[in-house]
């Protein structure tokens, strides 16, 4: 009888361990991050003022927003710095659970990924050299060599705008990062760079003797959001991030971060809008 009891006890223990293993294996990404005490986020740290380095340290709106998010869910936030073209493939390969770029919410991306609620506008604008009097409005870039960053929604809108200009304009020179594009603009190798208004405004604010914003912005109004995978394991993490961004929006912390890093606050919806680009 004692042997039978021991056998039954072992079987029950085995069943319990198996159930615990299944629960662990089935843990979603938010639970896994809390268990590990760390959430790994991919970004490109050449996208000021969202993400960049200063004195060897990451700074920008993303660093501050996600520091608050880490406190909210009780984990350490670790960023991986990657070239932008490699960021989304890495997300699909599950090398990390979130992209903190952020990226413009587009129809094509929304079909493949889940976006967070917006954190800023992504309307396209032009940056020129401050002493270039030949460009006073966007249409003045016709026929000039221009620059943009590859694999960005801003590049697609920039190309569409250039296609409406009279005459022949050279193909937009594509860079792996906007830092490279701005360096070429300062050196006179391109006449203007197209990027989102928040990024352009920040760069011009930081170096007013070198760069200037070309008014008005152009293209379809769009927004920046963070990106996760469209699967059940990712849903709790994205839900928690959405709730956190809305909380920061409602208590004024998001507007304060926008003003600090962009020089102005943007009205952003508390749900993901239907993409217009």
C-alpha atoms as a PDB file:
ATOM      1  CA  UNK A   1       0.000   0.000   0.000  1.00  0.00           C
ATOM      2  CA  UNK A   2       2.815   2.383   0.868  1.00  0.00           C
ATOM      3  CA  UNK A   3       4.414   1.717  -2.504  1.00  0.00           C
ATOM      4  CA  UNK A   4       1.096   2.506  -4.188  1.00  0.00           C
ATOM      5  CA  UNK A   5       0.802   5.735  -2.251  1.00  0.00           C
ATOM      6  CA  UNK A   6       4.333   6.688  -3.145  1.00  0.00           C
ATOM      7  CA  UNK A   7       3.577   5.929  -6.766  1.00  0.00           C
ATOM      8  CA  UNK A   8       0.412   8.010  -6.667  1.00  0.00           C
ATOM      9  CA  UNK A   9       2.289  10.803  -4.922  1.00  0.00           C
ATOM     10  CA  UNK A  10       5.014  10.742  -7.525  1.00  0.00           C
ATOM     11  CA  UNK A  11       2.447  10.769 -10.293  1.00  0.00           C
ATOM     12  CA  UNK A  12       0.645  13.711  -8.692  1.00  0.00           C
ATOM     13  CA  UNK A  13       3.946  15.528  -8.263  1.00  0.00           C
ATOM     14  CA  UNK A  14       4.835  14.844 -11.877  1.00  0.00           C
ATOM     15  CA  UNK A  15       1.446  16.146 -13.005  1.00  0.00           C
ATOM     16  CA  UNK A  16       1.900  19.275 -10.902  1.00  0.00           C
ATOM     17  CA  UNK A  17       5.370  19.938 -12.290  1.00  0.00           C
ATOM     18  CA  UNK A  18       4.100  19.389 -15.810  1.00  0.00           C
ATOM     19  CA  UNK A  19       1.258  21.859 -15.251  1.00  0.00           C
ATOM     20  CA  UNK A  20       3.684  24.402 -13.812  1.00  0.00           C
ATOM     21  CA  UNK A  21       5.944  23.938 -16.828  1.00  0.00           C
ATOM     22  CA  UNK A  22       3.017  24.489 -19.193  1.00  0.00           C
ATOM     23  CA  UNK A  23       2.083  27.664 -17.332  1.00  0.00           C
ATOM     24  CA  UNK A  24       5.662  28.922 -17.590  1.00  0.00           C
ATOM     25  CA  UNK A  25       5.892  28.015 -21.260  1.00  0.00           C
ATOM     26  CA  UNK A  26       2.600  29.762 -21.946  1.00  0.00           C
ATOM     27  CA  UNK A  27       3.609  32.994 -20.168  1.00  0.00           C
ATOM     28  CA  UNK A  28       3.008  36.060 -22.319  1.00  0.00           C
ATOM     29  CA  UNK A  29       5.690  38.633 -23.070  1.00  0.00           C
ATOM     30  CA  UNK A  30       4.661  40.968 -20.243  1.00  0.00           C
ATOM     31  CA  UNK A  31       4.845  38.128 -17.715  1.00  0.00           C
ATOM     32  CA  UNK A  32       8.208  37.007 -19.103  1.00  0.00           C
ATOM     33  CA  UNK A  33       9.600  40.536 -18.767  1.00  0.00           C
ATOM     34  CA  UNK A  34       8.373  40.813 -15.180  1.00  0.00           C
ATOM     35  CA  UNK A  35       9.844  37.407 -14.331  1.00  0.00           C
ATOM     36  CA  UNK A  36      13.192  38.367 -15.886  1.00  0.00           C
ATOM     37  CA  UNK A  37      13.044  41.857 -14.416  1.00  0.00           C
ATOM     38  CA  UNK A  38      13.971  43.293 -17.818  1.00  0.00           C
ATOM     39  CA  UNK A  39      12.257  44.402 -21.027  1.00  0.00           C
ATOM     40  CA  UNK A  40      14.490  44.559 -24.118  1.00  0.00           C
ATOM     41  CA  UNK A  41      13.494  47.189 -26.679  1.00  0.00           C
ATOM     42  CA  UNK A  42      15.058  47.785 -30.089  1.00  0.00           C
ATOM     43  CA  UNK A  43      15.630  51.265 -31.463  1.00  0.00           C
ATOM     44  CA  UNK A  44      17.956  53.302 -33.656  1.00  0.00           C
ATOM     45  CA  UNK A  45      19.861  55.860 -31.624  1.00  0.00           C
ATOM     46  CA  UNK A  46      20.363  58.265 -34.526  1.00  0.00           C
ATOM     47  CA  UNK A  47      16.817  59.635 -34.517  1.00  0.00           C
ATOM     48  CA  UNK A  48      16.892  62.778 -32.392  1.00  0.00           C
ATOM     49  CA  UNK A  49      14.997  63.891 -30.451  1.00  0.00           C
ATOM     50  CA  UNK A  50      13.357  60.487 -29.916  1.00  0.00           C
ATOM     51  CA  UNK A  51      16.571  58.510 -29.472  1.00  0.00           C
ATOM     52  CA  UNK A  52      20.222  59.584 -29.649  1.00  0.00           C
ATOM     53  CA  UNK A  53      23.374  59.554 -27.576  1.00  0.00           C
ATOM     54  CA  UNK A  54      25.028  62.416 -25.754  1.00  0.00           C
ATOM     55  CA  UNK A  55      28.288  61.915 -23.914  1.00  0.00           C
ATOM     56  CA  UNK A  56      27.958  58.185 -24.507  1.00  0.00           C
ATOM     57  CA  UNK A  57      24.540  58.084 -22.834  1.00  0.00           C
ATOM     58  CA  UNK A  58      21.149  57.503 -24.448  1.00  0.00           C
ATOM     59  CA  UNK A  59      18.899  60.541 -24.260  1.00  0.00           C
ATOM     60  CA  UNK A  60      15.658  61.665 -25.846  1.00  0.00           C
ATOM     61  CA  UNK A  61      11.913  61.339 -25.466  1.00  0.00           C
ATOM     62  CA  UNK A  62      11.979  57.535 -25.733  1.00  0.00           C
ATOM     63  CA  UNK A  63      14.516  57.075 -22.943  1.00  0.00           C
ATOM     64  CA  UNK A  64      12.408  59.167 -20.565  1.00  0.00           C
ATOM     65  CA  UNK A  65       9.045  57.713 -21.577  1.00  0.00           C
ATOM     66  CA  UNK A  66      10.208  54.116 -21.275  1.00  0.00           C
ATOM     67  CA  UNK A  67      11.956  54.803 -17.974  1.00  0.00           C
ATOM     68  CA  UNK A  68       8.509  55.748 -16.676  1.00  0.00           C
ATOM     69  CA  UNK A  69       6.990  52.643 -18.286  1.00  0.00           C
ATOM     70  CA  UNK A  70       9.626  50.446 -16.631  1.00  0.00           C
ATOM     71  CA  UNK A  71       8.661  51.856 -13.236  1.00  0.00           C
ATOM     72  CA  UNK A  72       4.990  51.278 -14.054  1.00  0.00           C
ATOM     73  CA  UNK A  73       5.425  47.561 -14.769  1.00  0.00           C
ATOM     74  CA  UNK A  74       8.361  46.978 -12.423  1.00  0.00           C
ATOM     75  CA  UNK A  75      11.150  46.071 -14.866  1.00  0.00           C
ATOM     76  CA  UNK A  76      14.465  47.407 -16.086  1.00  0.00           C
ATOM     77  CA  UNK A  77      14.377  48.784 -19.640  1.00  0.00           C
ATOM     78  CA  UNK A  78      17.278  47.756 -21.887  1.00  0.00           C
ATOM     79  CA  UNK A  79      17.635  49.274 -25.357  1.00  0.00           C
ATOM     80  CA  UNK A  80      19.355  47.613 -28.308  1.00  0.00           C
ATOM     81  CA  UNK A  81      20.793  50.128 -30.798  1.00  0.00           C
ATOM     82  CA  UNK A  82      20.342  48.809 -34.347  1.00  0.00           C
ATOM     83  CA  UNK A  83      20.314  50.237 -37.899  1.00  0.00           C
ATOM     84  CA  UNK A  84      16.689  51.038 -38.698  1.00  0.00           C
ATOM     85  CA  UNK A  85      16.385  48.585 -41.656  1.00  0.00           C
ATOM     86  CA  UNK A  86      17.267  45.735 -39.242  1.00  0.00           C
ATOM     87  CA  UNK A  87      14.831  46.695 -36.482  1.00  0.00           C
ATOM     88  CA  UNK A  88      11.529  45.301 -37.794  1.00  0.00           C
ATOM     89  CA  UNK A  89      13.009  42.026 -39.111  1.00  0.00           C
ATOM     90  CA  UNK A  90      14.460  41.492 -35.636  1.00  0.00           C
ATOM     91  CA  UNK A  91      11.019  42.018 -34.098  1.00  0.00           C
ATOM     92  CA  UNK A  92       9.539  39.415 -36.434  1.00  0.00           C
ATOM     93  CA  UNK A  93      12.323  36.998 -35.475  1.00  0.00           C
ATOM     94  CA  UNK A  94      11.420  37.525 -31.768  1.00  0.00           C
ATOM     95  CA  UNK A  95      14.861  38.859 -30.853  1.00  0.00           C
ATOM     96  CA  UNK A  96      13.013  41.417 -28.692  1.00  0.00           C
ATOM     97  CA  UNK A  97       9.370  42.155 -27.939  1.00  0.00           C
ATOM     98  CA  UNK A  98       9.045  45.844 -28.733  1.00  0.00           C
ATOM     99  CA  UNK A  99      10.356  48.465 -31.145  1.00  0.00           C
ATOM    100  CA  UNK A 100      10.742  51.837 -29.496  1.00  0.00           C
ATOM    101  CA  UNK A 101      11.752  53.700 -32.673  1.00  0.00           C
ATOM    102  CA  UNK A 102       9.042  54.990 -32.878  1.00  0.00           C
ATOM    103  CA  UNK A 103       7.672  54.609 -36.414  1.00  0.00           C
ATOM    104  CA  UNK A 104       5.028  56.313 -38.493  1.00  0.00           C
ATOM    105  CA  UNK A 105       1.701  54.488 -38.320  1.00  0.00           C
ATOM    106  CA  UNK A 106       1.071  53.415 -41.917  1.00  0.00           C
ATOM    107  CA  UNK A 107      -1.468  51.113 -43.522  1.00  0.00           C
ATOM    108  CA  UNK A 108       1.201  48.647 -44.651  1.00  0.00           C
ATOM    109  CA  UNK A 109       2.816  48.449 -41.211  1.00  0.00           C
ATOM    110  CA  UNK A 110      -0.517  48.273 -39.383  1.00  0.00           C
ATOM    111  CA  UNK A 111      -1.435  45.187 -41.395  1.00  0.00           C
ATOM    112  CA  UNK A 112       1.685  43.432 -40.133  1.00  0.00           C
ATOM    113  CA  UNK A 113       2.341  44.867 -36.663  1.00  0.00           C
ATOM    114  CA  UNK A 114       0.469  46.247 -33.700  1.00  0.00           C
ATOM    115  CA  UNK A 115       1.071  49.919 -32.964  1.00  0.00           C
ATOM    116  CA  UNK A 116       0.812  51.649 -29.619  1.00  0.00           C
ATOM    117  CA  UNK A 117      -1.333  54.733 -29.260  1.00  0.00           C
ATOM    118  CA  UNK A 118       0.481  57.764 -30.775  1.00  0.00           C
ATOM    119  CA  UNK A 119       3.179  59.676 -28.928  1.00  0.00           C
ATOM    120  CA  UNK A 120       3.655  62.514 -31.472  1.00  0.00           C
ATOM    121  CA  UNK A 121       2.770  63.750 -34.946  1.00  0.00           C
ATOM    122  CA  UNK A 122       4.761  62.500 -37.923  1.00  0.00           C
ATOM    123  CA  UNK A 123       3.865  65.133 -40.542  1.00  0.00           C
ATOM    124  CA  UNK A 124       6.645  65.589 -43.126  1.00  0.00           C
ATOM    125  CA  UNK A 125       8.732  68.782 -43.269  1.00  0.00           C
ATOM    126  CA  UNK A 126      11.942  69.987 -44.921  1.00  0.00           C
ATOM    127  CA  UNK A 127      15.247  71.042 -43.393  1.00  0.00           C
ATOM    128  CA  UNK A 128      17.568  73.326 -45.367  1.00  0.00           C
ATOM    129  CA  UNK A 129      20.800  75.198 -44.684  1.00  0.00           C
ATOM    130  CA  UNK A 130      20.110  78.397 -42.770  1.00  0.00           C
ATOM    131  CA  UNK A 131      21.917  80.549 -45.344  1.00  0.00           C
ATOM    132  CA  UNK A 132      20.179  79.046 -48.399  1.00  0.00           C
ATOM    133  CA  UNK A 133      17.871  81.805 -49.676  1.00  0.00           C
ATOM    134  CA  UNK A 134      16.923  79.810 -52.784  1.00  0.00           C
ATOM    135  CA  UNK A 135      14.470  77.676 -50.772  1.00  0.00           C
ATOM    136  CA  UNK A 136      11.645  79.629 -49.123  1.00  0.00           C
ATOM    137  CA  UNK A 137       8.841  77.096 -49.610  1.00  0.00           C
ATOM    138  CA  UNK A 138       8.717  73.322 -50.263  1.00  0.00           C
ATOM    139  CA  UNK A 139       8.179  73.731 -54.020  1.00  0.00           C
ATOM    140  CA  UNK A 140      11.564  75.488 -54.334  1.00  0.00           C
ATOM    141  CA  UNK A 141      13.396  72.151 -54.004  1.00  0.00           C
ATOM    142  CA  UNK A 142      12.469  71.251 -57.610  1.00  0.00           C
ATOM    143  CA  UNK A 143      15.557  70.200 -59.561  1.00  0.00           C
ATOM    144  CA  UNK A 144      17.799  70.018 -56.467  1.00  0.00           C
ATOM    145  CA  UNK A 145      19.580  67.039 -54.909  1.00  0.00           C
ATOM    146  CA  UNK A 146      17.677  65.998 -51.792  1.00  0.00           C
ATOM    147  CA  UNK A 147      18.231  63.564 -48.920  1.00  0.00           C
ATOM    148  CA  UNK A 148      16.135  61.235 -46.777  1.00  0.00           C
ATOM    149  CA  UNK A 149      16.442  58.074 -44.703  1.00  0.00           C
ATOM    150  CA  UNK A 150      15.838  54.706 -46.296  1.00  0.00           C
ATOM    151  CA  UNK A 151      12.872  52.506 -45.271  1.00  0.00           C
ATOM    152  CA  UNK A 152      10.948  55.368 -43.632  1.00  0.00           C
ATOM    153  CA  UNK A 153       7.374  56.521 -44.208  1.00  0.00           C
ATOM    154  CA  UNK A 154       8.707  60.077 -44.502  1.00  0.00           C
ATOM    155  CA  UNK A 155      10.811  59.029 -47.498  1.00  0.00           C
ATOM    156  CA  UNK A 156       7.756  57.603 -49.274  1.00  0.00           C
ATOM    157  CA  UNK A 157       5.789  60.832 -48.744  1.00  0.00           C
ATOM    158  CA  UNK A 158       8.822  62.899 -49.721  1.00  0.00           C
ATOM    159  CA  UNK A 159       9.148  60.956 -52.983  1.00  0.00           C
ATOM    160  CA  UNK A 160       5.444  61.400 -53.696  1.00  0.00           C
ATOM    161  CA  UNK A 161       5.734  65.169 -53.159  1.00  0.00           C
ATOM    162  CA  UNK A 162       8.816  65.464 -55.378  1.00  0.00           C
ATOM    163  CA  UNK A 163       6.952  63.607 -58.141  1.00  0.00           C
ATOM    164  CA  UNK A 164       4.437  66.502 -58.265  1.00  0.00           C
ATOM    165  CA  UNK A 165       7.120  69.149 -58.892  1.00  0.00           C
ATOM    166  CA  UNK A 166       7.761  70.586 -62.356  1.00  0.00           C
ATOM    167  CA  UNK A 167      10.838  69.624 -64.333  1.00  0.00           C
ATOM    168  CA  UNK A 168      13.275  66.907 -63.380  1.00  0.00           C
ATOM    169  CA  UNK A 169      14.506  66.397 -59.823  1.00  0.00           C
ATOM    170  CA  UNK A 170      17.268  63.833 -59.136  1.00  0.00           C
ATOM    171  CA  UNK A 171      16.247  60.744 -57.133  1.00  0.00           C
ATOM    172  CA  UNK A 172      16.298  61.420 -53.403  1.00  0.00           C
ATOM    173  CA  UNK A 173      19.588  60.259 -51.915  1.00  0.00           C
ATOM    174  CA  UNK A 174      18.840  57.619 -49.276  1.00  0.00           C
ATOM    175  CA  UNK A 175      20.830  57.361 -46.043  1.00  0.00           C
ATOM    176  CA  UNK A 176      20.952  54.646 -43.400  1.00  0.00           C
ATOM    177  CA  UNK A 177      20.405  57.297 -40.717  1.00  0.00           C
ATOM    178  CA  UNK A 178      19.237  60.905 -40.601  1.00  0.00           C
ATOM    179  CA  UNK A 179      22.499  61.883 -38.879  1.00  0.00           C
ATOM    180  CA  UNK A 180      24.307  61.087 -42.130  1.00  0.00           C
ATOM    181  CA  UNK A 181      21.739  63.050 -44.135  1.00  0.00           C
ATOM    182  CA  UNK A 182      22.098  66.108 -41.888  1.00  0.00           C
ATOM    183  CA  UNK A 183      25.883  65.940 -42.154  1.00  0.00           C
ATOM    184  CA  UNK A 184      25.648  65.983 -45.956  1.00  0.00           C
ATOM    185  CA  UNK A 185      23.153  68.855 -45.786  1.00  0.00           C
ATOM    186  CA  UNK A 186      25.528  70.907 -43.639  1.00  0.00           C
ATOM    187  CA  UNK A 187      28.339  70.143 -46.097  1.00  0.00           C
ATOM    188  CA  UNK A 188      26.230  71.218 -49.083  1.00  0.00           C
ATOM    189  CA  UNK A 189      26.064  67.771 -50.683  1.00  0.00           C
ATOM    190  CA  UNK A 190      22.256  67.893 -50.592  1.00  0.00           C
ATOM    191  CA  UNK A 191      19.992  70.952 -50.687  1.00  0.00           C
ATOM    192  CA  UNK A 192      17.333  69.751 -48.239  1.00  0.00           C
ATOM    193  CA  UNK A 193      16.403  66.764 -46.087  1.00  0.00           C
ATOM    194  CA  UNK A 194      12.854  65.486 -45.621  1.00  0.00           C
ATOM    195  CA  UNK A 195      11.852  64.104 -42.228  1.00  0.00           C
ATOM    196  CA  UNK A 196       9.039  64.385 -39.695  1.00  0.00           C
ATOM    197  CA  UNK A 197       8.266  67.862 -38.352  1.00  0.00           C
ATOM    198  CA  UNK A 198       9.262  66.987 -34.741  1.00  0.00           C
ATOM    199  CA  UNK A 199      12.681  65.771 -35.842  1.00  0.00           C
ATOM    200  CA  UNK A 200      13.256  68.690 -38.211  1.00  0.00           C
ATOM    201  CA  UNK A 201      12.176  71.257 -35.605  1.00  0.00           C
ATOM    202  CA  UNK A 202      14.545  69.741 -33.042  1.00  0.00           C
ATOM    203  CA  UNK A 203      17.553  69.784 -35.377  1.00  0.00           C
ATOM    204  CA  UNK A 204      16.914  73.412 -36.405  1.00  0.00           C
ATOM    205  CA  UNK A 205      16.456  74.414 -32.764  1.00  0.00           C
ATOM    206  CA  UNK A 206      19.752  72.803 -31.781  1.00  0.00           C
ATOM    207  CA  UNK A 207      21.765  74.351 -34.644  1.00  0.00           C
ATOM    208  CA  UNK A 208      19.948  77.548 -35.732  1.00  0.00           C
ATOM    209  CA  UNK A 209      23.064  78.967 -37.403  1.00  0.00           C
ATOM    210  CA  UNK A 210      23.353  75.875 -39.602  1.00  0.00           C
ATOM    211  CA  UNK A 211      19.801  74.688 -40.336  1.00  0.00           C
ATOM    212  CA  UNK A 212      16.306  76.094 -40.814  1.00  0.00           C
ATOM    213  CA  UNK A 213      12.831  74.586 -41.224  1.00  0.00           C
ATOM    214  CA  UNK A 214      11.076  75.152 -44.553  1.00  0.00           C
ATOM    215  CA  UNK A 215       7.452  76.087 -43.963  1.00  0.00           C
ATOM    216  CA  UNK A 216       4.794  74.827 -44.342  1.00  0.00           C
ATOM    217  CA  UNK A 217       5.012  71.059 -43.704  1.00  0.00           C
ATOM    218  CA  UNK A 218       3.522  68.861 -46.413  1.00  0.00           C
ATOM    219  CA  UNK A 219       2.037  65.408 -46.816  1.00  0.00           C
ATOM    220  CA  UNK A 220      -0.781  63.616 -45.043  1.00  0.00           C
ATOM    221  CA  UNK A 221      -1.146  64.078 -41.291  1.00  0.00           C
ATOM    222  CA  UNK A 222       0.195  61.009 -39.536  1.00  0.00           C
ATOM    223  CA  UNK A 223       1.440  59.881 -36.138  1.00  0.00           C
ATOM    224  CA  UNK A 224       4.330  58.094 -34.450  1.00  0.00           C
ATOM    225  CA  UNK A 225       3.716  54.951 -32.399  1.00  0.00           C
ATOM    226  CA  UNK A 226       5.744  52.110 -30.912  1.00  0.00           C
ATOM    227  CA  UNK A 227       5.579  48.668 -32.526  1.00  0.00           C
ATOM    228  CA  UNK A 228       4.920  45.161 -31.241  1.00  0.00           C
ATOM    229  CA  UNK A 229       3.962  41.873 -32.814  1.00  0.00           C
ATOM    230  CA  UNK A 230       0.366  40.986 -33.633  1.00  0.00           C
ATOM    231  CA  UNK A 231      -0.001  37.868 -31.508  1.00  0.00           C
ATOM    232  CA  UNK A 232      -1.648  36.787 -28.274  1.00  0.00           C
ATOM    233  CA  UNK A 233       1.647  36.729 -26.341  1.00  0.00           C
ATOM    234  CA  UNK A 234       2.326  40.370 -27.228  1.00  0.00           C
ATOM    235  CA  UNK A 235      -1.177  41.695 -26.499  1.00  0.00           C
ATOM    236  CA  UNK A 236      -0.788  42.163 -22.684  1.00  0.00           C
ATOM    237  CA  UNK A 237       2.481  44.065 -23.154  1.00  0.00           C
ATOM    238  CA  UNK A 238       0.993  46.339 -25.809  1.00  0.00           C
ATOM    239  CA  UNK A 239      -2.148  46.853 -23.704  1.00  0.00           C
ATOM    240  CA  UNK A 240       0.031  47.899 -20.756  1.00  0.00           C
ATOM    241  CA  UNK A 241       2.033  50.297 -22.944  1.00  0.00           C
ATOM    242  CA  UNK A 242      -1.142  51.844 -24.372  1.00  0.00           C
ATOM    243  CA  UNK A 243      -2.546  52.379 -20.882  1.00  0.00           C
ATOM    244  CA  UNK A 244       0.728  53.962 -19.775  1.00  0.00           C
ATOM    245  CA  UNK A 245       0.893  56.388 -22.723  1.00  0.00           C
ATOM    246  CA  UNK A 246      -2.747  57.420 -22.224  1.00  0.00           C
ATOM    247  CA  UNK A 247      -2.055  57.944 -18.505  1.00  0.00           C
ATOM    248  CA  UNK A 248       0.943  60.168 -19.341  1.00  0.00           C
ATOM    249  CA  UNK A 249      -1.160  62.028 -21.878  1.00  0.00           C
ATOM    250  CA  UNK A 250      -3.960  62.650 -19.362  1.00  0.00           C
ATOM    251  CA  UNK A 251      -1.715  63.775 -16.499  1.00  0.00           C
ATOM    252  CA  UNK A 252       0.354  66.111 -18.699  1.00  0.00           C
ATOM    253  CA  UNK A 253       3.643  64.199 -18.626  1.00  0.00           C
ATOM    254  CA  UNK A 254       3.520  63.400 -22.356  1.00  0.00           C
ATOM    255  CA  UNK A 255       2.948  67.043 -23.311  1.00  0.00           C
ATOM    256  CA  UNK A 256       5.837  68.041 -21.034  1.00  0.00           C
ATOM    257  CA  UNK A 257       8.148  65.554 -22.763  1.00  0.00           C
ATOM    258  CA  UNK A 258       7.016  66.753 -26.201  1.00  0.00           C
ATOM    259  CA  UNK A 259       7.660  70.371 -25.270  1.00  0.00           C
ATOM    260  CA  UNK A 260      11.074  69.493 -23.835  1.00  0.00           C
ATOM    261  CA  UNK A 261      12.251  67.561 -26.886  1.00  0.00           C
ATOM    262  CA  UNK A 262      10.279  69.083 -29.802  1.00  0.00           C
ATOM    263  CA  UNK A 263       9.790  72.623 -28.585  1.00  0.00           C
ATOM    264  CA  UNK A 264       6.021  72.193 -28.748  1.00  0.00           C
ATOM    265  CA  UNK A 265       3.271  69.818 -27.633  1.00  0.00           C
ATOM    266  CA  UNK A 266       1.104  67.860 -30.085  1.00  0.00           C
ATOM    267  CA  UNK A 267      -2.502  66.788 -29.807  1.00  0.00           C
ATOM    268  CA  UNK A 268      -2.519  63.006 -30.049  1.00  0.00           C
ATOM    269  CA  UNK A 269      -5.491  60.595 -29.905  1.00  0.00           C
ATOM    270  CA  UNK A 270      -5.819  58.062 -27.081  1.00  0.00           C
ATOM    271  CA  UNK A 271      -6.504  55.243 -29.550  1.00  0.00           C
ATOM    272  CA  UNK A 272      -4.617  54.168 -32.678  1.00  0.00           C
ATOM    273  CA  UNK A 273      -6.158  56.106 -35.596  1.00  0.00           C
ATOM    274  CA  UNK A 274      -6.847  54.528 -38.959  1.00  0.00           C
ATOM    275  CA  UNK A 275      -3.636  55.137 -40.954  1.00  0.00           C
ATOM    276  CA  UNK A 276      -3.913  57.755 -43.696  1.00  0.00           C
ATOM    277  CA  UNK A 277      -0.579  56.944 -45.339  1.00  0.00           C
END
